[in-house]
Amino acid sequence: MKFNLVEDRDKLIVNIKNFDPTHIFECGQCFRWNSEEDFSFTGIAFGEILNVKKEDESIIFSNTNTDDFNDIWVEYFDLGRDYGKVKDKLSKDPILKEAVNFGSGIRILNQDPFETLISFIISANNGIPRIKKSIEIICERYGNYIGDYNEKSYYSFPTPEELSKVSMDELRECGVGFRDKYIYSAANMVANGEIDIYNIKNLPTNELRKELMKIPGVGPKVSDCIMLFSMEKHDAFPIDVWVKRVMEHFYLKEDTSLMKIQAYGQEKFKNLAGFAQQYLFYYARELGIGK
């Protein structure tokens, strides 16, 4: 897909439909993007620092250039996909139509699989501020310095090899709590080649889920998050408290098991289940839908 973009020193002005940074960065799929006073967001991915802001119909990408936009950010922000078609298909369901309209600028990010694995292990039974803080500390201590932007220093997420050298005691000092042993095991399994995190995405979704769940600390929800947010498995349907609430509120009876909710979501929304999940999650959490 070609984009109408204007390069102005270290920023790009790009016309992109169905793109809202607030919707993208606050729908539960990532933890290394933070809002700024000018309503932009700054984050780091694949070793690059980026600031993103929506102005009218344009998206302003700052601290980047055309080459990095084409090589990194087109893929990362899933810009090759026509989200208008995705939204049209999902909007045939009247409930999802409301959710789609509410979170109209959501896009599913294509993140680094190892970073996503560790981030969502940390996310289990945890609040977003604590998750973000723990990840930030891990990157500062064990990642590599990338550079400064707006008077803040940014660090890469450590590689599997780098993180595998960190003890459980050191991990616990990063604020991860009981998850220290899971992070330690996951990093070592990937570093030792027990789990080929970068080359298993081609497995069918159900097989891939089983492989990921061999990693301690990775259950059905975390595995589906990894598949959806870093492995392009758009038929995955992660269930957290908000998705459970909204599904029971609109589609299913109360106290439906997580397994049945997941099966229902995958069957109902098929290869668009992951997109449906993101719209429903953001809609439910922001409006406080369900008990």
C-alpha atoms as a PDB file:
ATOM      1  CA  MET A   1       0.000   0.000   0.000  1.00  0.00           C
ATOM      2  CA  LYS A   2       1.343   3.442  -0.939  1.00  0.00           C
ATOM      3  CA  PHE A   3       1.048   6.397   1.412  1.00  0.00           C
ATOM      4  CA  ASN A   4       0.797  10.090   0.756  1.00  0.00           C
ATOM      5  CA  LEU A   5       3.544  11.338   3.048  1.00  0.00           C
ATOM      6  CA  VAL A   6       5.511  14.522   3.465  1.00  0.00           C
ATOM      7  CA  GLU A   7       8.949  14.408   5.127  1.00  0.00           C
ATOM      8  CA  ASP A   8       9.873  17.488   7.140  1.00  0.00           C
ATOM      9  CA  ARG A   9      13.324  17.073   8.747  1.00  0.00           C
ATOM     10  CA  ASP A  10      12.830  14.377  11.433  1.00  0.00           C
ATOM     11  CA  LYS A  11       9.068  14.034  11.055  1.00  0.00           C
ATOM     12  CA  LEU A  12       6.636  12.565   8.571  1.00  0.00           C
ATOM     13  CA  ILE A  13       3.121  13.789   7.898  1.00  0.00           C
ATOM     14  CA  VAL A  14       1.046  10.869   6.627  1.00  0.00           C
ATOM     15  CA  ASN A  15      -2.607  10.572   5.672  1.00  0.00           C
ATOM     16  CA  ILE A  16      -3.846   7.314   7.209  1.00  0.00           C
ATOM     17  CA  LYS A  17      -7.458   6.322   7.748  1.00  0.00           C
ATOM     18  CA  ASN A  18      -8.669   4.360  10.783  1.00  0.00           C
ATOM     19  CA  PHE A  19      -5.710   5.365  12.954  1.00  0.00           C
ATOM     20  CA  ASP A  20      -6.064   6.945  16.382  1.00  0.00           C
ATOM     21  CA  PRO A  21      -3.022   6.772  18.708  1.00  0.00           C
ATOM     22  CA  THR A  22      -5.173   6.884  21.845  1.00  0.00           C
ATOM     23  CA  HIS A  23      -7.229   3.908  20.670  1.00  0.00           C
ATOM     24  CA  ILE A  24      -4.138   1.974  19.572  1.00  0.00           C
ATOM     25  CA  PHE A  25      -1.986   2.512  22.651  1.00  0.00           C
ATOM     26  CA  GLU A  26      -4.730   2.278  25.277  1.00  0.00           C
ATOM     27  CA  CYS A  27      -6.511  -0.891  24.185  1.00  0.00           C
ATOM     28  CA  GLY A  28      -4.355  -3.233  26.257  1.00  0.00           C
ATOM     29  CA  GLN A  29      -1.992  -4.564  23.602  1.00  0.00           C
ATOM     30  CA  CYS A  30       1.264  -2.746  24.456  1.00  0.00           C
ATOM     31  CA  PHE A  31       3.078  -1.271  27.453  1.00  0.00           C
ATOM     32  CA  ARG A  32       5.947   0.875  26.180  1.00  0.00           C
ATOM     33  CA  TRP A  33       3.991   3.846  24.838  1.00  0.00           C
ATOM     34  CA  ASN A  34       3.233   6.857  27.030  1.00  0.00           C
ATOM     35  CA  SER A  35       1.100   9.936  26.472  1.00  0.00           C
ATOM     36  CA  GLU A  36       2.687  13.383  26.326  1.00  0.00           C
ATOM     37  CA  GLU A  37       1.315  16.795  27.316  1.00  0.00           C
ATOM     38  CA  ASP A  38       0.606  17.651  23.658  1.00  0.00           C
ATOM     39  CA  PHE A  39      -1.661  14.552  23.342  1.00  0.00           C
ATOM     40  CA  SER A  40       0.962  12.660  21.372  1.00  0.00           C
ATOM     41  CA  PHE A  41       2.456   9.291  22.366  1.00  0.00           C
ATOM     42  CA  THR A  42       6.121   8.356  22.583  1.00  0.00           C
ATOM     43  CA  GLY A  43       7.377   4.797  22.607  1.00  0.00           C
ATOM     44  CA  ILE A  44      10.079   2.442  21.453  1.00  0.00           C
ATOM     45  CA  ALA A  45       9.888  -0.607  19.210  1.00  0.00           C
ATOM     46  CA  PHE A  46      12.519  -2.587  17.325  1.00  0.00           C
ATOM     47  CA  GLY A  47      15.249  -0.325  18.679  1.00  0.00           C
ATOM     48  CA  GLU A  48      13.700   2.923  17.452  1.00  0.00           C
ATOM     49  CA  ILE A  49      12.122   5.799  19.402  1.00  0.00           C
ATOM     50  CA  LEU A  50       8.979   7.254  17.832  1.00  0.00           C
ATOM     51  CA  ASN A  51       6.491   9.971  18.687  1.00  0.00           C
ATOM     52  CA  VAL A  52       3.012   9.709  17.156  1.00  0.00           C
ATOM     53  CA  LYS A  53       0.316  12.356  17.066  1.00  0.00           C
ATOM     54  CA  LYS A  54      -3.007  12.716  15.264  1.00  0.00           C
ATOM     55  CA  GLU A  55      -3.753  16.124  13.765  1.00  0.00           C
ATOM     56  CA  ASP A  56      -7.037  16.358  11.871  1.00  0.00           C
ATOM     57  CA  GLU A  57      -6.810  13.688   9.149  1.00  0.00           C
ATOM     58  CA  SER A  58      -3.030  13.330   9.332  1.00  0.00           C
ATOM     59  CA  ILE A  59      -0.752  11.265  11.560  1.00  0.00           C
ATOM     60  CA  ILE A  60       2.522  12.939  12.533  1.00  0.00           C
ATOM     61  CA  PHE A  61       5.430  10.503  13.007  1.00  0.00           C
ATOM     62  CA  SER A  62       8.302  12.346  14.725  1.00  0.00           C
ATOM     63  CA  ASN A  63      11.921  11.234  15.214  1.00  0.00           C
ATOM     64  CA  THR A  64      11.896   9.075  12.103  1.00  0.00           C
ATOM     65  CA  ASN A  65      12.403   9.153   8.336  1.00  0.00           C
ATOM     66  CA  THR A  66      10.922   7.636   5.198  1.00  0.00           C
ATOM     67  CA  ASP A  67      13.221   4.594   5.220  1.00  0.00           C
ATOM     68  CA  ASP A  68      12.351   3.658   8.824  1.00  0.00           C
ATOM     69  CA  PHE A  69       8.692   4.320   8.138  1.00  0.00           C
ATOM     70  CA  ASN A  70       8.728   1.824   5.265  1.00  0.00           C
ATOM     71  CA  ASP A  71      11.055  -0.695   6.935  1.00  0.00           C
ATOM     72  CA  ILE A  72       9.610  -0.663  10.480  1.00  0.00           C
ATOM     73  CA  TRP A  73       6.460   1.335  11.064  1.00  0.00           C
ATOM     74  CA  VAL A  74       4.320   0.173   8.131  1.00  0.00           C
ATOM     75  CA  GLU A  75       4.555  -3.388   9.444  1.00  0.00           C
ATOM     76  CA  TYR A  76       4.430  -2.455  13.127  1.00  0.00           C
ATOM     77  CA  PHE A  77       1.211  -0.445  12.757  1.00  0.00           C
ATOM     78  CA  ASP A  78      -0.317  -2.927  10.303  1.00  0.00           C
ATOM     79  CA  LEU A  79      -0.654  -0.150   7.741  1.00  0.00           C
ATOM     80  CA  GLY A  80      -0.970  -2.541   4.820  1.00  0.00           C
ATOM     81  CA  ARG A  81      -4.380  -3.693   6.058  1.00  0.00           C
ATOM     82  CA  ASP A  82      -7.660  -2.022   5.060  1.00  0.00           C
ATOM     83  CA  TYR A  83      -9.309  -1.562   8.452  1.00  0.00           C
ATOM     84  CA  GLY A  84     -12.346  -0.086   6.730  1.00  0.00           C
ATOM     85  CA  LYS A  85     -13.123  -3.562   5.361  1.00  0.00           C
ATOM     86  CA  VAL A  86     -12.497  -5.170   8.774  1.00  0.00           C
ATOM     87  CA  LYS A  87     -14.854  -2.712  10.444  1.00  0.00           C
ATOM     88  CA  ASP A  88     -17.518  -3.146   7.768  1.00  0.00           C
ATOM     89  CA  LYS A  89     -17.553  -6.919   8.259  1.00  0.00           C
ATOM     90  CA  LEU A  90     -17.656  -6.733  12.049  1.00  0.00           C
ATOM     91  CA  SER A  91     -20.294  -3.994  12.005  1.00  0.00           C
ATOM     92  CA  LYS A  92     -22.838  -6.439  10.605  1.00  0.00           C
ATOM     93  CA  ASP A  93     -23.176  -7.464  14.250  1.00  0.00           C
ATOM     94  CA  PRO A  94     -25.164  -4.604  15.900  1.00  0.00           C
ATOM     95  CA  ILE A  95     -23.278  -4.859  19.193  1.00  0.00           C
ATOM     96  CA  LEU A  96     -19.902  -4.812  17.516  1.00  0.00           C
ATOM     97  CA  LYS A  97     -21.018  -1.894  15.376  1.00  0.00           C
ATOM     98  CA  GLU A  98     -21.220   0.218  18.534  1.00  0.00           C
ATOM     99  CA  ALA A  99     -17.835  -1.042  19.752  1.00  0.00           C
ATOM    100  CA  VAL A 100     -16.223  -0.411  16.356  1.00  0.00           C
ATOM    101  CA  ASN A 101     -17.557   3.137  16.240  1.00  0.00           C
ATOM    102  CA  PHE A 102     -16.284   3.776  19.767  1.00  0.00           C
ATOM    103  CA  GLY A 103     -12.755   2.483  19.060  1.00  0.00           C
ATOM    104  CA  SER A 104     -12.686   3.342  15.372  1.00  0.00           C
ATOM    105  CA  GLY A 105      -8.955   4.071  15.285  1.00  0.00           C
ATOM    106  CA  ILE A 106      -7.721   0.788  16.769  1.00  0.00           C
ATOM    107  CA  ARG A 107      -5.032  -1.117  14.895  1.00  0.00           C
ATOM    108  CA  ILE A 108      -3.419  -4.353  16.036  1.00  0.00           C
ATOM    109  CA  LEU A 109       0.318  -3.891  16.412  1.00  0.00           C
ATOM    110  CA  ASN A 110       2.880  -6.400  15.131  1.00  0.00           C
ATOM    111  CA  GLN A 111       5.276  -6.473  18.077  1.00  0.00           C
ATOM    112  CA  ASP A 112       8.447  -8.396  18.837  1.00  0.00           C
ATOM    113  CA  PRO A 113       7.456 -11.934  19.955  1.00  0.00           C
ATOM    114  CA  PHE A 114       9.942 -12.222  22.840  1.00  0.00           C
ATOM    115  CA  GLU A 115       9.118  -8.786  24.221  1.00  0.00           C
ATOM    116  CA  THR A 116       5.422  -9.642  23.944  1.00  0.00           C
ATOM    117  CA  LEU A 117       5.941 -12.990  25.697  1.00  0.00           C
ATOM    118  CA  ILE A 118       7.691 -11.426  28.695  1.00  0.00           C
ATOM    119  CA  SER A 119       5.378  -8.399  28.820  1.00  0.00           C
ATOM    120  CA  PHE A 120       2.243 -10.498  29.015  1.00  0.00           C
ATOM    121  CA  ILE A 121       3.746 -12.849  31.589  1.00  0.00           C
ATOM    122  CA  ILE A 122       4.276  -9.702  33.671  1.00  0.00           C
ATOM    123  CA  SER A 123       0.693  -8.598  32.929  1.00  0.00           C
ATOM    124  CA  ALA A 124      -0.930 -11.612  34.631  1.00  0.00           C
ATOM    125  CA  ASN A 125      -3.042 -10.439  37.604  1.00  0.00           C
ATOM    126  CA  ASN A 126      -1.351  -7.060  37.427  1.00  0.00           C
ATOM    127  CA  GLY A 127      -2.311  -3.431  36.847  1.00  0.00           C
ATOM    128  CA  ILE A 128      -1.117  -1.454  33.829  1.00  0.00           C
ATOM    129  CA  PRO A 129       0.949   1.164  35.756  1.00  0.00           C
ATOM    130  CA  ARG A 130       2.859  -1.612  37.546  1.00  0.00           C
ATOM    131  CA  ILE A 131       3.312  -3.596  34.334  1.00  0.00           C
ATOM    132  CA  LYS A 132       4.744  -0.569  32.544  1.00  0.00           C
ATOM    133  CA  LYS A 133       7.038   0.299  35.440  1.00  0.00           C
ATOM    134  CA  SER A 134       8.431  -3.236  35.702  1.00  0.00           C
ATOM    135  CA  ILE A 135       9.099  -3.381  31.954  1.00  0.00           C
ATOM    136  CA  GLU A 136      10.778   0.018  32.069  1.00  0.00           C
ATOM    137  CA  ILE A 137      13.102  -1.091  34.890  1.00  0.00           C
ATOM    138  CA  ILE A 138      13.980  -4.334  33.079  1.00  0.00           C
ATOM    139  CA  CYS A 139      14.862  -2.392  29.924  1.00  0.00           C
ATOM    140  CA  GLU A 140      16.924   0.210  31.790  1.00  0.00           C
ATOM    141  CA  ARG A 141      18.902  -2.448  33.673  1.00  0.00           C
ATOM    142  CA  TYR A 142      19.337  -5.153  31.047  1.00  0.00           C
ATOM    143  CA  GLY A 143      18.601  -3.610  27.667  1.00  0.00           C
ATOM    144  CA  ASN A 144      20.809  -1.283  25.643  1.00  0.00           C
ATOM    145  CA  TYR A 145      20.692   2.508  25.643  1.00  0.00           C
ATOM    146  CA  ILE A 146      19.055   3.725  22.421  1.00  0.00           C
ATOM    147  CA  GLY A 147      19.008   7.484  22.887  1.00  0.00           C
ATOM    148  CA  ASP A 148      17.189  10.448  24.401  1.00  0.00           C
ATOM    149  CA  TYR A 149      13.977  12.040  23.213  1.00  0.00           C
ATOM    150  CA  ASN A 150      12.305  15.019  24.898  1.00  0.00           C
ATOM    151  CA  GLU A 151      14.752  14.773  27.806  1.00  0.00           C
ATOM    152  CA  LYS A 152      13.982  11.119  28.504  1.00  0.00           C
ATOM    153  CA  SER A 153      16.334   8.184  27.948  1.00  0.00           C
ATOM    154  CA  TYR A 154      15.111   5.090  26.115  1.00  0.00           C
ATOM    155  CA  TYR A 155      16.430   1.525  26.231  1.00  0.00           C
ATOM    156  CA  SER A 156      15.847  -1.551  24.098  1.00  0.00           C
ATOM    157  CA  PHE A 157      14.035  -4.565  25.451  1.00  0.00           C
ATOM    158  CA  PRO A 158      16.703  -7.148  26.412  1.00  0.00           C
ATOM    159  CA  THR A 159      17.249 -10.082  24.086  1.00  0.00           C
ATOM    160  CA  PRO A 160      16.506 -13.631  25.285  1.00  0.00           C
ATOM    161  CA  GLU A 161      20.247 -14.162  25.789  1.00  0.00           C
ATOM    162  CA  GLU A 162      20.622 -10.976  27.835  1.00  0.00           C
ATOM    163  CA  LEU A 163      17.590 -11.683  30.016  1.00  0.00           C
ATOM    164  CA  SER A 164      18.503 -15.334  30.561  1.00  0.00           C
ATOM    165  CA  LYS A 165      21.592 -14.184  32.480  1.00  0.00           C
ATOM    166  CA  VAL A 166      19.471 -12.315  35.027  1.00  0.00           C
ATOM    167  CA  SER A 167      18.758 -14.132  38.305  1.00  0.00           C
ATOM    168  CA  MET A 168      15.294 -14.509  39.806  1.00  0.00           C
ATOM    169  CA  ASP A 169      16.317 -12.305  42.720  1.00  0.00           C
ATOM    170  CA  GLU A 170      17.362  -9.558  40.318  1.00  0.00           C
ATOM    171  CA  LEU A 171      14.114  -9.927  38.389  1.00  0.00           C
ATOM    172  CA  ARG A 172      12.084  -9.648  41.586  1.00  0.00           C
ATOM    173  CA  GLU A 173      13.857  -6.359  42.285  1.00  0.00           C
ATOM    174  CA  CYS A 174      12.275  -5.078  39.062  1.00  0.00           C
ATOM    175  CA  GLY A 175       8.861  -5.304  40.704  1.00  0.00           C
ATOM    176  CA  VAL A 176       7.563  -8.398  38.920  1.00  0.00           C
ATOM    177  CA  GLY A 177       6.685 -10.241  42.132  1.00  0.00           C
ATOM    178  CA  PHE A 178       5.883 -13.954  41.867  1.00  0.00           C
ATOM    179  CA  ARG A 179       6.342 -13.747  38.094  1.00  0.00           C
ATOM    180  CA  ASP A 180      10.144 -13.734  38.518  1.00  0.00           C
ATOM    181  CA  LYS A 181      10.372 -17.520  38.106  1.00  0.00           C
ATOM    182  CA  TYR A 182       8.193 -17.449  34.993  1.00  0.00           C
ATOM    183  CA  ILE A 183      10.282 -14.718  33.349  1.00  0.00           C
ATOM    184  CA  TYR A 184      13.458 -16.573  34.239  1.00  0.00           C
ATOM    185  CA  SER A 185      12.142 -19.840  32.760  1.00  0.00           C
ATOM    186  CA  ALA A 186      10.781 -18.178  29.625  1.00  0.00           C
ATOM    187  CA  ALA A 187      14.017 -16.300  28.903  1.00  0.00           C
ATOM    188  CA  ASN A 188      16.088 -19.443  29.352  1.00  0.00           C
ATOM    189  CA  MET A 189      13.756 -21.623  27.263  1.00  0.00           C
ATOM    190  CA  VAL A 190      13.969 -19.149  24.371  1.00  0.00           C
ATOM    191  CA  ALA A 191      17.722 -18.545  24.754  1.00  0.00           C
ATOM    192  CA  ASN A 192      18.381 -22.305  24.860  1.00  0.00           C
ATOM    193  CA  GLY A 193      16.225 -23.010  21.822  1.00  0.00           C
ATOM    194  CA  GLU A 194      13.573 -25.028  23.664  1.00  0.00           C
ATOM    195  CA  ILE A 195      10.972 -22.626  22.259  1.00  0.00           C
ATOM    196  CA  ASP A 196      11.719 -21.077  18.860  1.00  0.00           C
ATOM    197  CA  ILE A 197       9.683 -17.961  19.566  1.00  0.00           C
ATOM    198  CA  TYR A 198      10.619 -16.296  16.264  1.00  0.00           C
ATOM    199  CA  ASN A 199       9.790 -19.211  13.970  1.00  0.00           C
ATOM    200  CA  ILE A 200       6.686 -20.889  15.349  1.00  0.00           C
ATOM    201  CA  LYS A 201       4.103 -18.390  14.114  1.00  0.00           C
ATOM    202  CA  ASN A 202       3.336 -20.533  11.065  1.00  0.00           C
ATOM    203  CA  LEU A 203       1.814 -23.277  13.215  1.00  0.00           C
ATOM    204  CA  PRO A 204      -1.999 -23.460  13.229  1.00  0.00           C
ATOM    205  CA  THR A 205      -3.473 -21.372  16.028  1.00  0.00           C
ATOM    206  CA  ASN A 206      -4.461 -24.276  18.280  1.00  0.00           C
ATOM    207  CA  GLU A 207      -1.054 -25.949  17.910  1.00  0.00           C
ATOM    208  CA  LEU A 208       0.744 -22.666  18.492  1.00  0.00           C
ATOM    209  CA  ARG A 209      -1.280 -22.065  21.650  1.00  0.00           C
ATOM    210  CA  LYS A 210      -0.200 -25.482  22.986  1.00  0.00           C
ATOM    211  CA  GLU A 211       3.453 -24.730  22.228  1.00  0.00           C
ATOM    212  CA  LEU A 212       3.316 -21.375  23.989  1.00  0.00           C
ATOM    213  CA  MET A 213       1.574 -22.879  26.994  1.00  0.00           C
ATOM    214  CA  LYS A 214       4.577 -25.140  27.541  1.00  0.00           C
ATOM    215  CA  ILE A 215       6.259 -22.014  28.923  1.00  0.00           C
ATOM    216  CA  PRO A 216       5.645 -21.599  32.680  1.00  0.00           C
ATOM    217  CA  GLY A 217       3.395 -18.620  33.352  1.00  0.00           C
ATOM    218  CA  VAL A 218       1.726 -18.773  29.929  1.00  0.00           C
ATOM    219  CA  GLY A 219      -1.923 -19.795  30.111  1.00  0.00           C
ATOM    220  CA  PRO A 220      -4.746 -19.454  27.566  1.00  0.00           C
ATOM    221  CA  LYS A 221      -5.093 -15.674  27.889  1.00  0.00           C
ATOM    222  CA  VAL A 222      -1.377 -14.878  27.740  1.00  0.00           C
ATOM    223  CA  SER A 223      -0.810 -17.275  24.836  1.00  0.00           C
ATOM    224  CA  ASP A 224      -3.627 -15.683  22.854  1.00  0.00           C
ATOM    225  CA  CYS A 225      -2.225 -12.202  23.534  1.00  0.00           C
ATOM    226  CA  ILE A 226       1.186 -13.306  22.256  1.00  0.00           C
ATOM    227  CA  MET A 227      -0.363 -14.848  19.147  1.00  0.00           C
ATOM    228  CA  LEU A 228      -2.572 -11.841  18.405  1.00  0.00           C
ATOM    229  CA  PHE A 229      -0.123  -9.026  19.134  1.00  0.00           C
ATOM    230  CA  SER A 230       3.097 -10.491  17.727  1.00  0.00           C
ATOM    231  CA  MET A 231       2.315 -13.496  15.526  1.00  0.00           C
ATOM    232  CA  GLU A 232      -0.544 -12.298  13.291  1.00  0.00           C
ATOM    233  CA  LYS A 233      -2.981 -14.920  14.573  1.00  0.00           C
ATOM    234  CA  HIS A 234      -6.073 -12.800  14.102  1.00  0.00           C
ATOM    235  CA  ASP A 235      -8.372 -15.690  14.966  1.00  0.00           C
ATOM    236  CA  ALA A 236      -7.037 -15.644  18.560  1.00  0.00           C
ATOM    237  CA  PHE A 237      -9.491 -14.320  21.158  1.00  0.00           C
ATOM    238  CA  PRO A 238      -7.827 -13.412  24.490  1.00  0.00           C
ATOM    239  CA  ILE A 239     -10.178 -13.374  27.477  1.00  0.00           C
ATOM    240  CA  ASP A 240      -9.507 -10.998  30.346  1.00  0.00           C
ATOM    241  CA  VAL A 241     -11.935  -9.628  32.935  1.00  0.00           C
ATOM    242  CA  TRP A 242     -13.294  -6.948  30.578  1.00  0.00           C
ATOM    243  CA  VAL A 243     -13.803  -9.290  27.625  1.00  0.00           C
ATOM    244  CA  LYS A 244     -15.520 -11.789  29.923  1.00  0.00           C
ATOM    245  CA  ARG A 245     -17.829  -9.063  31.214  1.00  0.00           C
ATOM    246  CA  VAL A 246     -18.756  -7.697  27.803  1.00  0.00           C
ATOM    247  CA  MET A 247     -19.289 -11.164  26.302  1.00  0.00           C
ATOM    248  CA  GLU A 248     -21.554 -12.183  29.177  1.00  0.00           C
ATOM    249  CA  HIS A 249     -23.334  -8.836  29.058  1.00  0.00           C
ATOM    250  CA  PHE A 250     -24.180  -9.005  25.350  1.00  0.00           C
ATOM    251  CA  TYR A 251     -23.770 -12.569  24.083  1.00  0.00           C
ATOM    252  CA  LEU A 252     -23.640 -15.240  26.797  1.00  0.00           C
ATOM    253  CA  LYS A 253     -25.102 -16.042  30.175  1.00  0.00           C
ATOM    254  CA  GLU A 254     -23.350 -15.027  33.381  1.00  0.00           C
ATOM    255  CA  ASP A 255     -20.596 -17.282  34.736  1.00  0.00           C
ATOM    256  CA  THR A 256     -19.791 -18.831  31.360  1.00  0.00           C
ATOM    257  CA  SER A 257     -16.379 -20.530  31.530  1.00  0.00           C
ATOM    258  CA  LEU A 258     -13.406 -18.818  29.913  1.00  0.00           C
ATOM    259  CA  MET A 259     -12.928 -21.794  27.599  1.00  0.00           C
ATOM    260  CA  LYS A 260     -16.517 -21.532  26.344  1.00  0.00           C
ATOM    261  CA  ILE A 261     -16.240 -17.773  25.877  1.00  0.00           C
ATOM    262  CA  GLN A 262     -13.078 -18.245  23.844  1.00  0.00           C
ATOM    263  CA  ALA A 263     -14.639 -20.973  21.711  1.00  0.00           C
ATOM    264  CA  TYR A 264     -17.737 -18.839  21.145  1.00  0.00           C
ATOM    265  CA  GLY A 265     -15.678 -15.789  20.156  1.00  0.00           C
ATOM    266  CA  GLN A 266     -13.530 -17.756  17.730  1.00  0.00           C
ATOM    267  CA  GLU A 267     -16.535 -19.454  16.151  1.00  0.00           C
ATOM    268  CA  LYS A 268     -18.635 -16.278  15.900  1.00  0.00           C
ATOM    269  CA  PHE A 269     -15.966 -13.913  14.584  1.00  0.00           C
ATOM    270  CA  LYS A 270     -13.696 -16.492  12.881  1.00  0.00           C
ATOM    271  CA  ASN A 271     -10.584 -14.952  11.277  1.00  0.00           C
ATOM    272  CA  LEU A 272     -11.561 -11.516  12.612  1.00  0.00           C
ATOM    273  CA  ALA A 273     -11.883 -12.697  16.231  1.00  0.00           C
ATOM    274  CA  GLY A 274      -8.794 -10.792  17.373  1.00  0.00           C
ATOM    275  CA  PHE A 275     -10.049  -7.542  15.894  1.00  0.00           C
ATOM    276  CA  ALA A 276     -13.447  -8.088  17.517  1.00  0.00           C
ATOM    277  CA  GLN A 277     -11.745  -8.744  20.848  1.00  0.00           C
ATOM    278  CA  GLN A 278      -9.858  -5.445  20.704  1.00  0.00           C
ATOM    279  CA  TYR A 279     -12.925  -3.393  19.850  1.00  0.00           C
ATOM    280  CA  LEU A 280     -14.965  -5.122  22.577  1.00  0.00           C
ATOM    281  CA  PHE A 281     -12.201  -4.811  25.184  1.00  0.00           C
ATOM    282  CA  TYR A 282     -11.727  -1.083  24.628  1.00  0.00           C
ATOM    283  CA  TYR A 283     -15.494  -0.465  24.517  1.00  0.00           C
ATOM    284  CA  ALA A 284     -16.144  -2.407  27.729  1.00  0.00           C
ATOM    285  CA  ARG A 285     -13.239  -1.019  29.740  1.00  0.00           C
ATOM    286  CA  GLU A 286     -13.693   2.623  28.776  1.00  0.00           C
ATOM    287  CA  LEU A 287     -17.448   2.584  29.396  1.00  0.00           C
ATOM    288  CA  GLY A 288     -17.424   0.156  32.324  1.00  0.00           C
ATOM    289  CA  ILE A 289     -19.786  -2.311  30.676  1.00  0.00           C
ATOM    290  CA  GLY A 290     -20.755  -5.469  32.578  1.00  0.00           C
ATOM    291  CA  LYS A 291     -20.475  -6.455  36.206  1.00  0.00           C
END
